[in-house]
Structures are given as structure tokens and as C-alpha cells.
Amino acid sequence: MKKDYLFLFIQIGLIIFLSIEQIKVRWEISVLYGNQNSINAEYQNLKEEEYKLKTEAYFLNSPARVEKYAKEKLLMHKVKPKPKVIEK
């Protein structure tokens, strides 16, 4: 009879322990799922920012813009090459 109560007590204790562990695992999964959502959102924002920065870099390095800046701000102008006369 005492063995039956001891066995029953061990079973109840094991069930309680496993239930608590199950709750902890489910909570950790929900936290990680939330973290994944925020990480995905941040990743999308960073991709958009990268796209904007690449577009700006292409604009700033465009040959027409560089030429315009050289003419207006640096007062540079194009020089036509002088023809070379090759003597024989």
C-alpha cells in the first residue's frame, strides 16, 4: 500500500514537472517567433535603405553630373585635342 502511494506521488510529481517544462518550451518558442518577426522587419528595412543608398551612389557618380559639377563649380572646360602632324 505504501509503495502504491509512493509510486502515485512520483507519477504526479513527474506530470507536474513535465507540464512546467512544456509551458517553458512553449513560452520560449513564442518569444523566438516574435524575435524572428522583428528581425525580418528590420531586414526588409535594411534592404530598402541599401537600395536607396545604391541609387544615390549611382546618381552622384553619373558622368553627366560630374561634368556639370566640373564646369560650374570648378570652372573646368573640355579641351579639344589638337591634331598631330606626323612628318616623314
PDB file of N, CA and C in Angstrom:
ATOM      1  N   MET A   1       0.804  -1.184   0.000  1.00  0.00           N
ATOM      2  CA  MET A   1       0.000   0.000   0.000  1.00  0.00           C
ATOM      3  C   MET A   1       0.861   1.267   0.000  1.00  0.00           C
ATOM      4  N   LYS A   2       1.930   1.255   0.803  1.00  0.00           N
ATOM      5  CA  LYS A   2       2.819   2.392   0.843  1.00  0.00           C
ATOM      6  C   LYS A   2       3.514   2.559  -0.499  1.00  0.00           C
ATOM      7  N   LYS A   3       3.846   1.437  -1.136  1.00  0.00           N
ATOM      8  CA  LYS A   3       4.504   1.501  -2.431  1.00  0.00           C
ATOM      9  C   LYS A   3       3.578   2.139  -3.463  1.00  0.00           C
ATOM     10  N   ASP A   4       2.297   1.831  -3.359  1.00  0.00           N
ATOM     11  CA  ASP A   4       1.333   2.394  -4.300  1.00  0.00           C
ATOM     12  C   ASP A   4       1.265   3.912  -4.159  1.00  0.00           C
ATOM     13  N   TYR A   5       1.266   4.429  -2.939  1.00  0.00           N
ATOM     14  CA  TYR A   5       1.217   5.860  -2.713  1.00  0.00           C
ATOM     15  C   TYR A   5       2.509   6.522  -3.186  1.00  0.00           C
ATOM     16  N   LEU A   6       3.627   5.895  -2.931  1.00  0.00           N
ATOM     17  CA  LEU A   6       4.916   6.430  -3.368  1.00  0.00           C
ATOM     18  C   LEU A   6       4.960   6.479  -4.896  1.00  0.00           C
ATOM     19  N   PHE A   7       4.517   5.412  -5.534  1.00  0.00           N
ATOM     20  CA  PHE A   7       4.506   5.357  -6.995  1.00  0.00           C
ATOM     21  C   PHE A   7       3.560   6.423  -7.555  1.00  0.00           C
ATOM     22  N   LEU A   8       2.413   6.603  -6.926  1.00  0.00           N
ATOM     23  CA  LEU A   8       1.448   7.611  -7.339  1.00  0.00           C
ATOM     24  C   LEU A   8       2.023   9.014  -7.156  1.00  0.00           C
ATOM     25  N   PHE A   9       2.695   9.246  -6.044  1.00  0.00           N
ATOM     26  CA  PHE A   9       3.319  10.537  -5.769  1.00  0.00           C
ATOM     27  C   PHE A   9       4.399  10.846  -6.803  1.00  0.00           C
ATOM     28  N   ILE A  10       5.204   9.857  -7.157  1.00  0.00           N
ATOM     29  CA  ILE A  10       6.253  10.044  -8.173  1.00  0.00           C
ATOM     30  C   ILE A  10       5.617  10.365  -9.526  1.00  0.00           C
ATOM     31  N   GLN A  11       4.547   9.679  -9.875  1.00  0.00           N
ATOM     32  CA  GLN A  11       3.876   9.928 -11.142  1.00  0.00           C
ATOM     33  C   GLN A  11       3.297  11.343 -11.206  1.00  0.00           C
ATOM     34  N   ILE A  12       2.652  11.759 -10.123  1.00  0.00           N
ATOM     35  CA  ILE A  12       2.081  13.114 -10.071  1.00  0.00           C
ATOM     36  C   ILE A  12       3.194  14.161 -10.155  1.00  0.00           C
ATOM     37  N   GLY A  13       4.271  13.939  -9.436  1.00  0.00           N
ATOM     38  CA  GLY A  13       5.415  14.857  -9.490  1.00  0.00           C
ATOM     39  C   GLY A  13       5.999  14.945 -10.893  1.00  0.00           C
ATOM     40  N   LEU A  14       6.127  13.801 -11.550  1.00  0.00           N
ATOM     41  CA  LEU A  14       6.651  13.767 -12.911  1.00  0.00           C
ATOM     42  C   LEU A  14       5.719  14.504 -13.878  1.00  0.00           C
ATOM     43  N   ILE A  15       4.431  14.318 -13.727  1.00  0.00           N
ATOM     44  CA  ILE A  15       3.458  15.005 -14.589  1.00  0.00           C
ATOM     45  C   ILE A  15       3.532  16.518 -14.387  1.00  0.00           C
ATOM     46  N   ILE A  16       3.647  16.945 -13.131  1.00  0.00           N
ATOM     47  CA  ILE A  16       3.754  18.384 -12.849  1.00  0.00           C
ATOM     48  C   ILE A  16       5.043  18.942 -13.439  1.00  0.00           C
ATOM     49  N   PHE A  17       6.137  18.239 -13.259  1.00  0.00           N
ATOM     50  CA  PHE A  17       7.426  18.688 -13.789  1.00  0.00           C
ATOM     51  C   PHE A  17       7.372  18.805 -15.308  1.00  0.00           C
ATOM     52  N   LEU A  18       6.831  17.786 -15.982  1.00  0.00           N
ATOM     53  CA  LEU A  18       6.751  17.814 -17.440  1.00  0.00           C
ATOM     54  C   LEU A  18       5.802  18.902 -17.935  1.00  0.00           C
ATOM     55  N   SER A  19       4.744  19.166 -17.196  1.00  0.00           N
ATOM     56  CA  SER A  19       3.822  20.237 -17.567  1.00  0.00           C
ATOM     57  C   SER A  19       4.507  21.596 -17.493  1.00  0.00           C
ATOM     58  N   ILE A  20       5.281  21.807 -16.445  1.00  0.00           N
ATOM     59  CA  ILE A  20       6.019  23.068 -16.303  1.00  0.00           C
ATOM     60  C   ILE A  20       7.045  23.205 -17.419  1.00  0.00           C
ATOM     61  N   GLU A  21       7.741  22.136 -17.733  1.00  0.00           N
ATOM     62  CA  GLU A  21       8.713  22.173 -18.828  1.00  0.00           C
ATOM     63  C   GLU A  21       8.037  22.469 -20.158  1.00  0.00           C
ATOM     64  N   GLN A  22       6.874  21.906 -20.389  1.00  0.00           N
ATOM     65  CA  GLN A  22       6.129  22.162 -21.620  1.00  0.00           C
ATOM     66  C   GLN A  22       5.738  23.638 -21.721  1.00  0.00           C
ATOM     67  N   ILE A  23       5.300  24.204 -20.612  1.00  0.00           N
ATOM     68  CA  ILE A  23       4.940  25.626 -20.593  1.00  0.00           C
ATOM     69  C   ILE A  23       6.160  26.486 -20.895  1.00  0.00           C
ATOM     70  N   LYS A  24       7.315  26.152 -20.308  1.00  0.00           N
ATOM     71  CA  LYS A  24       8.536  26.917 -20.561  1.00  0.00           C
ATOM     72  C   LYS A  24       8.959  26.834 -22.023  1.00  0.00           C
ATOM     73  N   VAL A  25       8.869  25.653 -22.610  1.00  0.00           N
ATOM     74  CA  VAL A  25       9.257  25.483 -24.011  1.00  0.00           C
ATOM     75  C   VAL A  25       8.325  26.269 -24.929  1.00  0.00           C
ATOM     76  N   ARG A  26       7.027  26.219 -24.668  1.00  0.00           N
ATOM     77  CA  ARG A  26       6.076  26.975 -25.482  1.00  0.00           C
ATOM     78  C   ARG A  26       6.325  28.476 -25.371  1.00  0.00           C
ATOM     79  N   TRP A  27       6.642  28.934 -24.157  1.00  0.00           N
ATOM     80  CA  TRP A  27       6.935  30.355 -23.968  1.00  0.00           C
ATOM     81  C   TRP A  27       8.188  30.750 -24.745  1.00  0.00           C
ATOM     82  N   GLU A  28       9.237  29.928 -24.687  1.00  0.00           N
ATOM     83  CA  GLU A  28      10.468  30.217 -25.426  1.00  0.00           C
ATOM     84  C   GLU A  28      10.215  30.247 -26.932  1.00  0.00           C
ATOM     85  N   ILE A  29       9.399  29.345 -27.426  1.00  0.00           N
ATOM     86  CA  ILE A  29       9.065  29.317 -28.853  1.00  0.00           C
ATOM     87  C   ILE A  29       8.332  30.594 -29.252  1.00  0.00           C
ATOM     88  N   SER A  30       7.395  31.033 -28.420  1.00  0.00           N
ATOM     89  CA  SER A  30       6.658  32.257 -28.753  1.00  0.00           C
ATOM     90  C   SER A  30       7.576  33.481 -28.742  1.00  0.00           C
ATOM     91  N   VAL A  31       8.522  33.520 -27.804  1.00  0.00           N
ATOM     92  CA  VAL A  31       9.478  34.629 -27.755  1.00  0.00           C
ATOM     93  C   VAL A  31      10.363  34.607 -28.999  1.00  0.00           C
ATOM     94  N   LEU A  32      10.854  33.449 -29.365  1.00  0.00           N
ATOM     95  CA  LEU A  32      11.705  33.346 -30.550  1.00  0.00           C
ATOM     96  C   LEU A  32      10.938  33.687 -31.813  1.00  0.00           C
ATOM     97  N   TYR A  33       9.679  33.302 -31.890  1.00  0.00           N
ATOM     98  CA  TYR A  33       8.860  33.633 -33.049  1.00  0.00           C
ATOM     99  C   TYR A  33       8.680  35.147 -33.160  1.00  0.00           C
ATOM    100  N   GLY A  34       8.476  35.804 -32.036  1.00  0.00           N
ATOM    101  CA  GLY A  34       8.376  37.268 -32.021  1.00  0.00           C
ATOM    102  C   GLY A  34       9.677  37.921 -32.437  1.00  0.00           C
ATOM    103  N   ASN A  35      10.795  37.379 -31.962  1.00  0.00           N
ATOM    104  CA  ASN A  35      12.100  37.902 -32.360  1.00  0.00           C
ATOM    105  C   ASN A  35      12.312  37.734 -33.858  1.00  0.00           C
ATOM    106  N   GLN A  36      11.886  36.621 -34.401  1.00  0.00           N
ATOM    107  CA  GLN A  36      12.058  36.375 -35.827  1.00  0.00           C
ATOM    108  C   GLN A  36      11.268  37.394 -36.646  1.00  0.00           C
ATOM    109  N   ASN A  37      10.071  37.712 -36.210  1.00  0.00           N
ATOM    110  CA  ASN A  37       9.267  38.710 -36.920  1.00  0.00           C
ATOM    111  C   ASN A  37       9.942  40.080 -36.907  1.00  0.00           C
ATOM    112  N   SER A  38      10.470  40.477 -35.762  1.00  0.00           N
ATOM    113  CA  SER A  38      11.132  41.786 -35.692  1.00  0.00           C
ATOM    114  C   SER A  38      12.422  41.781 -36.501  1.00  0.00           C
ATOM    115  N   ILE A  39      13.134  40.671 -36.517  1.00  0.00           N
ATOM    116  CA  ILE A  39      14.362  40.580 -37.314  1.00  0.00           C
ATOM    117  C   ILE A  39      14.027  40.651 -38.801  1.00  0.00           C
ATOM    118  N   ASN A  40      12.960  39.982 -39.230  1.00  0.00           N
ATOM    119  CA  ASN A  40      12.554  40.036 -40.637  1.00  0.00           C
ATOM    120  C   ASN A  40      12.158  41.456 -41.041  1.00  0.00           C
ATOM    121  N   ALA A  41      11.452  42.157 -40.172  1.00  0.00           N
ATOM    122  CA  ALA A  41      11.050  43.537 -40.466  1.00  0.00           C
ATOM    123  C   ALA A  41      12.278  44.431 -40.578  1.00  0.00           C
ATOM    124  N   GLU A  42      13.231  44.263 -39.677  1.00  0.00           N
ATOM    125  CA  GLU A  42      14.452  45.056 -39.723  1.00  0.00           C
ATOM    126  C   GLU A  42      15.266  44.739 -40.976  1.00  0.00           C
ATOM    127  N   TYR A  43      15.280  43.473 -41.368  1.00  0.00           N
ATOM    128  CA  TYR A  43      15.991  43.068 -42.589  1.00  0.00           C
ATOM    129  C   TYR A  43      15.387  43.738 -43.811  1.00  0.00           C
ATOM    130  N   GLN A  44      14.049  43.791 -43.879  1.00  0.00           N
ATOM    131  CA  GLN A  44      13.389  44.446 -45.005  1.00  0.00           C
ATOM    132  C   GLN A  44      13.719  45.942 -45.024  1.00  0.00           C
ATOM    133  N   ASN A  45      13.731  46.573 -43.855  1.00  0.00           N
ATOM    134  CA  ASN A  45      14.091  47.997 -43.784  1.00  0.00           C
ATOM    135  C   ASN A  45      15.521  48.223 -44.253  1.00  0.00           C
ATOM    136  N   LEU A  46      16.425  47.339 -43.873  1.00  0.00           N
ATOM    137  CA  LEU A  46      17.819  47.480 -44.291  1.00  0.00           C
ATOM    138  C   LEU A  46      17.976  47.264 -45.794  1.00  0.00           C
ATOM    139  N   LYS A  47      17.202  46.349 -46.377  1.00  0.00           N
ATOM    140  CA  LYS A  47      17.251  46.149 -47.826  1.00  0.00           C
ATOM    141  C   LYS A  47      16.768  47.396 -48.557  1.00  0.00           C
ATOM    142  N   GLU A  48      15.697  48.019 -48.055  1.00  0.00           N
ATOM    143  CA  GLU A  48      15.204  49.248 -48.666  1.00  0.00           C
ATOM    144  C   GLU A  48      16.230  50.369 -48.556  1.00  0.00           C
ATOM    145  N   GLU A  49      16.864  50.480 -47.404  1.00  0.00           N
ATOM    146  CA  GLU A  49      17.890  51.510 -47.200  1.00  0.00           C
ATOM    147  C   GLU A  49      19.080  51.271 -48.135  1.00  0.00           C
ATOM    148  N   GLU A  50      19.473  50.013 -48.293  1.00  0.00           N
ATOM    149  CA  GLU A  50      20.573  49.686 -49.209  1.00  0.00           C
ATOM    150  C   GLU A  50      20.218  50.084 -50.638  1.00  0.00           C
ATOM    151  N   TYR A  51      18.984  49.814 -51.050  1.00  0.00           N
ATOM    152  CA  TYR A  51      18.535  50.177 -52.390  1.00  0.00           C
ATOM    153  C   TYR A  51      18.602  51.691 -52.588  1.00  0.00           C
ATOM    154  N   LYS A  52      18.145  52.452 -51.584  1.00  0.00           N
ATOM    155  CA  LYS A  52      18.184  53.914 -51.670  1.00  0.00           C
ATOM    156  C   LYS A  52      19.630  54.419 -51.754  1.00  0.00           C
ATOM    157  N   LEU A  53      20.513  53.817 -50.953  1.00  0.00           N
ATOM    158  CA  LEU A  53      21.911  54.251 -50.961  1.00  0.00           C
ATOM    159  C   LEU A  53      22.596  53.923 -52.279  1.00  0.00           C
ATOM    160  N   LYS A  54      22.292  52.767 -52.851  1.00  0.00           N
ATOM    161  CA  LYS A  54      22.871  52.423 -54.151  1.00  0.00           C
ATOM    162  C   LYS A  54      22.384  53.383 -55.226  1.00  0.00           C
ATOM    163  N   THR A  55      21.091  53.702 -55.187  1.00  0.00           N
ATOM    164  CA  THR A  55      20.538  54.645 -56.158  1.00  0.00           C
ATOM    165  C   THR A  55      21.210  56.007 -56.023  1.00  0.00           C
ATOM    166  N   GLU A  56      21.402  56.452 -54.800  1.00  0.00           N
ATOM    167  CA  GLU A  56      22.067  57.738 -54.576  1.00  0.00           C
ATOM    168  C   GLU A  56      23.513  57.701 -55.050  1.00  0.00           C
ATOM    169  N   ALA A  57      24.208  56.595 -54.822  1.00  0.00           N
ATOM    170  CA  ALA A  57      25.595  56.477 -55.272  1.00  0.00           C
ATOM    171  C   ALA A  57      25.673  56.518 -56.795  1.00  0.00           C
ATOM    172  N   TYR A  58      24.762  55.828 -57.477  1.00  0.00           N
ATOM    173  CA  TYR A  58      24.752  55.864 -58.937  1.00  0.00           C
ATOM    174  C   TYR A  58      24.474  57.281 -59.432  1.00  0.00           C
ATOM    175  N   PHE A  59      23.563  57.993 -58.766  1.00  0.00           N
ATOM    176  CA  PHE A  59      23.254  59.360 -59.153  1.00  0.00           C
ATOM    177  C   PHE A  59      24.471  60.268 -58.959  1.00  0.00           C
ATOM    178  N   LEU A  60      25.123  60.145 -57.802  1.00  0.00           N
ATOM    179  CA  LEU A  60      26.257  61.022 -57.510  1.00  0.00           C
ATOM    180  C   LEU A  60      27.448  60.750 -58.422  1.00  0.00           C
ATOM    181  N   ASN A  61      27.587  59.519 -58.889  1.00  0.00           N
ATOM    182  CA  ASN A  61      28.727  59.168 -59.739  1.00  0.00           C
ATOM    183  C   ASN A  61      28.399  59.198 -61.227  1.00  0.00           C
ATOM    184  N   SER A  62      27.238  59.733 -61.581  1.00  0.00           N
ATOM    185  CA  SER A  62      26.876  59.752 -63.001  1.00  0.00           C
ATOM    186  C   SER A  62      27.795  60.716 -63.753  1.00  0.00           C
ATOM    187  N   PRO A  63      28.229  60.340 -64.957  1.00  0.00           N
ATOM    188  CA  PRO A  63      29.141  61.186 -65.730  1.00  0.00           C
ATOM    189  C   PRO A  63      28.567  62.579 -66.035  1.00  0.00           C
ATOM    190  N   ALA A  64      27.276  62.669 -66.313  1.00  0.00           N
ATOM    191  CA  ALA A  64      26.675  63.972 -66.613  1.00  0.00           C
ATOM    192  C   ALA A  64      26.747  64.894 -65.404  1.00  0.00           C
ATOM    193  N   ARG A  65      26.491  64.360 -64.214  1.00  0.00           N
ATOM    194  CA  ARG A  65      26.537  65.172 -63.005  1.00  0.00           C
ATOM    195  C   ARG A  65      27.968  65.604 -62.699  1.00  0.00           C
ATOM    196  N   VAL A  66      28.914  64.710 -62.866  1.00  0.00           N
ATOM    197  CA  VAL A  66      30.322  65.044 -62.620  1.00  0.00           C
ATOM    198  C   VAL A  66      30.773  66.130 -63.592  1.00  0.00           C
ATOM    199  N   GLU A  67      30.384  66.002 -64.857  1.00  0.00           N
ATOM    200  CA  GLU A  67      30.762  67.002 -65.852  1.00  0.00           C
ATOM    201  C   GLU A  67      30.143  68.364 -65.525  1.00  0.00           C
ATOM    202  N   LYS A  68      28.889  68.376 -65.138  1.00  0.00           N
ATOM    203  CA  LYS A  68      28.210  69.620 -64.774  1.00  0.00           C
ATOM    204  C   LYS A  68      28.888  70.278 -63.576  1.00  0.00           C
ATOM    205  N   TYR A  69      29.237  69.465 -62.578  1.00  0.00           N
ATOM    206  CA  TYR A  69      29.922  69.992 -61.386  1.00  0.00           C
ATOM    207  C   TYR A  69      31.282  70.575 -61.771  1.00  0.00           C
ATOM    208  N   ALA A  70      32.009  69.886 -62.647  1.00  0.00           N
ATOM    209  CA  ALA A  70      33.332  70.362 -63.058  1.00  0.00           C
ATOM    210  C   ALA A  70      33.212  71.692 -63.803  1.00  0.00           C
ATOM    211  N   LYS A  71      32.203  71.823 -64.650  1.00  0.00           N
ATOM    212  CA  LYS A  71      32.036  73.060 -65.409  1.00  0.00           C
ATOM    213  C   LYS A  71      31.602  74.217 -64.518  1.00  0.00           C
ATOM    214  N   GLU A  72      30.604  73.978 -63.644  1.00  0.00           N
ATOM    215  CA  GLU A  72      30.026  75.068 -62.863  1.00  0.00           C
ATOM    216  C   GLU A  72      30.849  75.436 -61.629  1.00  0.00           C
ATOM    217  N   LYS A  73      31.254  74.472 -60.880  1.00  0.00           N
ATOM    218  CA  LYS A  73      31.926  74.755 -59.597  1.00  0.00           C
ATOM    219  C   LYS A  73      33.438  74.894 -59.738  1.00  0.00           C
ATOM    220  N   LEU A  74      34.031  74.064 -60.570  1.00  0.00           N
ATOM    221  CA  LEU A  74      35.496  74.074 -60.690  1.00  0.00           C
ATOM    222  C   LEU A  74      35.977  74.885 -61.883  1.00  0.00           C
ATOM    223  N   LEU A  75      35.020  75.404 -62.659  1.00  0.00           N
ATOM    224  CA  LEU A  75      35.321  76.226 -63.826  1.00  0.00           C
ATOM    225  C   LEU A  75      36.243  75.510 -64.811  1.00  0.00           C
ATOM    226  N   MET A  76      35.995  74.268 -65.019  1.00  0.00           N
ATOM    227  CA  MET A  76      36.782  73.480 -65.980  1.00  0.00           C
ATOM    228  C   MET A  76      36.010  73.452 -67.295  1.00  0.00           C
ATOM    229  N   HIS A  77      36.713  73.194 -68.361  1.00  0.00           N
ATOM    230  CA  HIS A  77      36.064  73.072 -69.655  1.00  0.00           C
ATOM    231  C   HIS A  77      36.761  71.989 -70.463  1.00  0.00           C
ATOM    232  N   LYS A  78      36.052  71.519 -71.458  1.00  0.00           N
ATOM    233  CA  LYS A  78      36.618  70.472 -72.294  1.00  0.00           C
ATOM    234  C   LYS A  78      37.612  71.094 -73.254  1.00  0.00           C
ATOM    235  N   VAL A  79      38.687  70.397 -73.452  1.00  0.00           N
ATOM    236  CA  VAL A  79      39.701  70.843 -74.389  1.00  0.00           C
ATOM    237  C   VAL A  79      39.649  69.926 -75.592  1.00  0.00           C
ATOM    238  N   LYS A  80      39.544  70.541 -76.755  1.00  0.00           N
ATOM    239  CA  LYS A  80      39.548  69.741 -77.961  1.00  0.00           C
ATOM    240  C   LYS A  80      40.989  69.355 -78.271  1.00  0.00           C
ATOM    241  N   PRO A  81      41.182  68.105 -78.614  1.00  0.00           N
ATOM    242  CA  PRO A  81      42.565  67.689 -78.889  1.00  0.00           C
ATOM    243  C   PRO A  81      43.079  68.353 -80.166  1.00  0.00           C
ATOM    244  N   LYS A  82      44.338  68.721 -80.094  1.00  0.00           N
ATOM    245  CA  LYS A  82      44.967  69.336 -81.276  1.00  0.00           C
ATOM    246  C   LYS A  82      45.440  68.216 -82.187  1.00  0.00           C
ATOM    247  N   PRO A  83      45.199  68.365 -83.462  1.00  0.00           N
ATOM    248  CA  PRO A  83      45.660  67.314 -84.373  1.00  0.00           C
ATOM    249  C   PRO A  83      47.184  67.286 -84.436  1.00  0.00           C
ATOM    250  N   LYS A  84      47.730  66.121 -84.430  1.00  0.00           N
ATOM    251  CA  LYS A  84      49.167  65.962 -84.507  1.00  0.00           C
ATOM    252  C   LYS A  84      49.559  65.793 -85.978  1.00  0.00           C
ATOM    253  N   VAL A  85      50.551  66.457 -86.350  1.00  0.00           N
ATOM    254  CA  VAL A  85      51.042  66.336 -87.695  1.00  0.00           C
ATOM    255  C   VAL A  85      52.263  65.421 -87.633  1.00  0.00           C
ATOM    256  N   ILE A  86      52.162  64.342 -88.342  1.00  0.00           N
ATOM    257  CA  ILE A  86      53.262  63.381 -88.357  1.00  0.00           C
ATOM    258  C   ILE A  86      54.106  63.647 -89.606  1.00  0.00           C
ATOM    259  N   GLU A  87      55.344  63.990 -89.386  1.00  0.00           N
ATOM    260  CA  GLU A  87      56.233  64.271 -90.500  1.00  0.00           C
ATOM    261  C   GLU A  87      57.037  63.025 -90.811  1.00  0.00           C
ATOM    262  N   LYS A  88      57.225  62.812 -92.105  1.00  0.00           N
ATOM    263  CA  LYS A  88      58.008  61.643 -92.513  1.00  0.00           C
ATOM    264  C   LYS A  88      59.368  62.019 -92.950  1.00  0.00           C
TER     265      LYS A  88
END
